[in-house]
Amino acid sequence: MTESIETSEREGVPYAGAHTVPVSHVDLIARAVRLLREDAELLAEGATIDGAPDWENESEAKEAHDERLLVARELELLAPAAVAALRSHP
């Protein structure tokens, strides 16, 4: 039986794929951006017909796709501010 991430974090047990050494906030933001963009690409591929996304009958998938790209872009903009804030508070 596999544990959920929430259960693992609550119990202090690393889940599969967890980092065992501290990871910087910048690395975490970069990883989150990459994952969001990859997921958006998968959504687009799922709605692709003849090499181009066809969102006509996929409004929920289009909304999910756009939301992931928006959050990725917002995280990229947030990253420099987050780094500066972390450096200013020892």
C-alpha atoms as a PDB file:
ATOM      1  CA  MET A   1       0.000   0.000   0.000  1.00  0.00           C
ATOM      2  CA  THR A   2       1.433   3.379  -0.949  1.00  0.00           C
ATOM      3  CA  GLU A   3       1.014   6.379   1.271  1.00  0.00           C
ATOM      4  CA  SER A   4      -0.252   9.703   0.069  1.00  0.00           C
ATOM      5  CA  ILE A   5       2.086  12.658   0.068  1.00  0.00           C
ATOM      6  CA  GLU A   6       0.028  14.266   2.857  1.00  0.00           C
ATOM      7  CA  THR A   7       0.342  11.165   5.049  1.00  0.00           C
ATOM      8  CA  SER A   8       4.064  10.931   4.408  1.00  0.00           C
ATOM      9  CA  GLU A   9       4.641  14.613   5.230  1.00  0.00           C
ATOM     10  CA  ARG A  10       2.516  14.434   8.378  1.00  0.00           C
ATOM     11  CA  GLU A  11       4.496  11.448   9.609  1.00  0.00           C
ATOM     12  CA  GLY A  12       7.842  12.816   8.466  1.00  0.00           C
ATOM     13  CA  VAL A  13       8.386   9.897   6.099  1.00  0.00           C
ATOM     14  CA  PRO A  14       9.753  10.701   2.636  1.00  0.00           C
ATOM     15  CA  TYR A  15       7.473   9.642  -0.202  1.00  0.00           C
ATOM     16  CA  ALA A  16       8.732   8.048  -3.401  1.00  0.00           C
ATOM     17  CA  GLY A  17      10.806  10.610  -5.280  1.00  0.00           C
ATOM     18  CA  ALA A  18      11.236  12.896  -2.264  1.00  0.00           C
ATOM     19  CA  HIS A  19      14.498  14.768  -1.842  1.00  0.00           C
ATOM     20  CA  THR A  20      16.457  13.640   1.186  1.00  0.00           C
ATOM     21  CA  VAL A  21      18.551  16.823   1.245  1.00  0.00           C
ATOM     22  CA  PRO A  22      17.229  20.367   1.421  1.00  0.00           C
ATOM     23  CA  VAL A  23      16.235  21.834  -1.937  1.00  0.00           C
ATOM     24  CA  SER A  24      16.322  25.554  -2.601  1.00  0.00           C
ATOM     25  CA  HIS A  25      13.101  27.480  -3.150  1.00  0.00           C
ATOM     26  CA  VAL A  26      14.390  28.463  -6.572  1.00  0.00           C
ATOM     27  CA  ASP A  27      14.832  24.787  -7.488  1.00  0.00           C
ATOM     28  CA  LEU A  28      11.332  23.989  -6.224  1.00  0.00           C
ATOM     29  CA  ILE A  29       9.818  26.855  -8.221  1.00  0.00           C
ATOM     30  CA  ALA A  30      11.731  25.787 -11.337  1.00  0.00           C
ATOM     31  CA  ARG A  31      10.531  22.200 -10.864  1.00  0.00           C
ATOM     32  CA  ALA A  32       6.919  23.321 -10.353  1.00  0.00           C
ATOM     33  CA  VAL A  33       7.082  25.468 -13.501  1.00  0.00           C
ATOM     34  CA  ARG A  34       8.472  22.557 -15.501  1.00  0.00           C
ATOM     35  CA  LEU A  35       5.783  20.183 -14.230  1.00  0.00           C
ATOM     36  CA  LEU A  36       2.992  22.665 -14.945  1.00  0.00           C
ATOM     37  CA  ARG A  37       4.249  23.271 -18.485  1.00  0.00           C
ATOM     38  CA  GLU A  38       4.625  19.529 -19.141  1.00  0.00           C
ATOM     39  CA  ASP A  39       1.098  18.904 -17.890  1.00  0.00           C
ATOM     40  CA  ALA A  40      -0.267  21.711 -20.086  1.00  0.00           C
ATOM     41  CA  GLU A  41       1.514  20.145 -23.062  1.00  0.00           C
ATOM     42  CA  LEU A  42      -0.087  16.770 -22.304  1.00  0.00           C
ATOM     43  CA  LEU A  43      -3.516  18.408 -22.180  1.00  0.00           C
ATOM     44  CA  ALA A  44      -2.866  20.043 -25.551  1.00  0.00           C
ATOM     45  CA  GLU A  45      -1.665  16.751 -27.035  1.00  0.00           C
ATOM     46  CA  GLY A  46      -4.868  15.086 -25.831  1.00  0.00           C
ATOM     47  CA  ALA A  47      -6.940  17.616 -27.769  1.00  0.00           C
ATOM     48  CA  THR A  48      -4.760  17.586 -30.878  1.00  0.00           C
ATOM     49  CA  ILE A  49      -6.217  16.795 -34.284  1.00  0.00           C
ATOM     50  CA  ASP A  50      -4.029  16.912 -37.401  1.00  0.00           C
ATOM     51  CA  GLY A  51      -1.088  18.362 -35.473  1.00  0.00           C
ATOM     52  CA  ALA A  52      -2.887  21.290 -33.811  1.00  0.00           C
ATOM     53  CA  PRO A  53      -4.887  21.499 -30.566  1.00  0.00           C
ATOM     54  CA  ASP A  54      -8.631  21.493 -31.247  1.00  0.00           C
ATOM     55  CA  TRP A  55     -10.329  22.862 -28.149  1.00  0.00           C
ATOM     56  CA  GLU A  56     -13.830  23.105 -29.673  1.00  0.00           C
ATOM     57  CA  ASN A  57     -15.292  20.225 -27.655  1.00  0.00           C
ATOM     58  CA  GLU A  58     -12.675  20.350 -24.898  1.00  0.00           C
ATOM     59  CA  SER A  59     -13.553  23.489 -22.922  1.00  0.00           C
ATOM     60  CA  GLU A  60     -12.616  21.978 -19.545  1.00  0.00           C
ATOM     61  CA  ALA A  61      -9.289  20.729 -20.889  1.00  0.00           C
ATOM     62  CA  LYS A  62      -8.621  24.168 -22.425  1.00  0.00           C
ATOM     63  CA  GLU A  63      -9.352  25.877 -19.093  1.00  0.00           C
ATOM     64  CA  ALA A  64      -7.032  23.452 -17.277  1.00  0.00           C
ATOM     65  CA  HIS A  65      -4.338  23.979 -19.943  1.00  0.00           C
ATOM     66  CA  ASP A  66      -4.559  27.760 -19.712  1.00  0.00           C
ATOM     67  CA  GLU A  67      -4.596  27.724 -15.907  1.00  0.00           C
ATOM     68  CA  ARG A  68      -1.409  25.651 -15.776  1.00  0.00           C
ATOM     69  CA  LEU A  69       0.383  27.984 -18.181  1.00  0.00           C
ATOM     70  CA  LEU A  70      -0.819  31.040 -16.240  1.00  0.00           C
ATOM     71  CA  VAL A  71       0.360  29.644 -12.898  1.00  0.00           C
ATOM     72  CA  ALA A  72       3.718  28.669 -14.427  1.00  0.00           C
ATOM     73  CA  ARG A  73       4.161  32.196 -15.767  1.00  0.00           C
ATOM     74  CA  GLU A  74       3.170  33.717 -12.392  1.00  0.00           C
ATOM     75  CA  LEU A  75       5.648  31.463 -10.567  1.00  0.00           C
ATOM     76  CA  GLU A  76       8.415  32.548 -12.937  1.00  0.00           C
ATOM     77  CA  LEU A  77       7.624  36.180 -12.148  1.00  0.00           C
ATOM     78  CA  LEU A  78       7.464  35.428  -8.436  1.00  0.00           C
ATOM     79  CA  ALA A  79      10.794  33.601  -8.299  1.00  0.00           C
ATOM     80  CA  PRO A  80      13.092  36.670  -8.305  1.00  0.00           C
ATOM     81  CA  ALA A  81      11.007  38.333  -5.585  1.00  0.00           C
ATOM     82  CA  ALA A  82      10.969  35.136  -3.527  1.00  0.00           C
ATOM     83  CA  VAL A  83      14.744  34.766  -3.801  1.00  0.00           C
ATOM     84  CA  ALA A  84      15.302  38.407  -2.788  1.00  0.00           C
ATOM     85  CA  ALA A  85      12.967  38.024   0.187  1.00  0.00           C
ATOM     86  CA  LEU A  86      14.669  34.851   1.337  1.00  0.00           C
ATOM     87  CA  ARG A  87      18.121  36.465   1.101  1.00  0.00           C
ATOM     88  CA  SER A  88      16.991  39.522   3.090  1.00  0.00           C
ATOM     89  CA  HIS A  89      15.750  37.379   6.008  1.00  0.00           C
ATOM     90  CA  PRO A  90      18.656  35.273   7.343  1.00  0.00           C
END
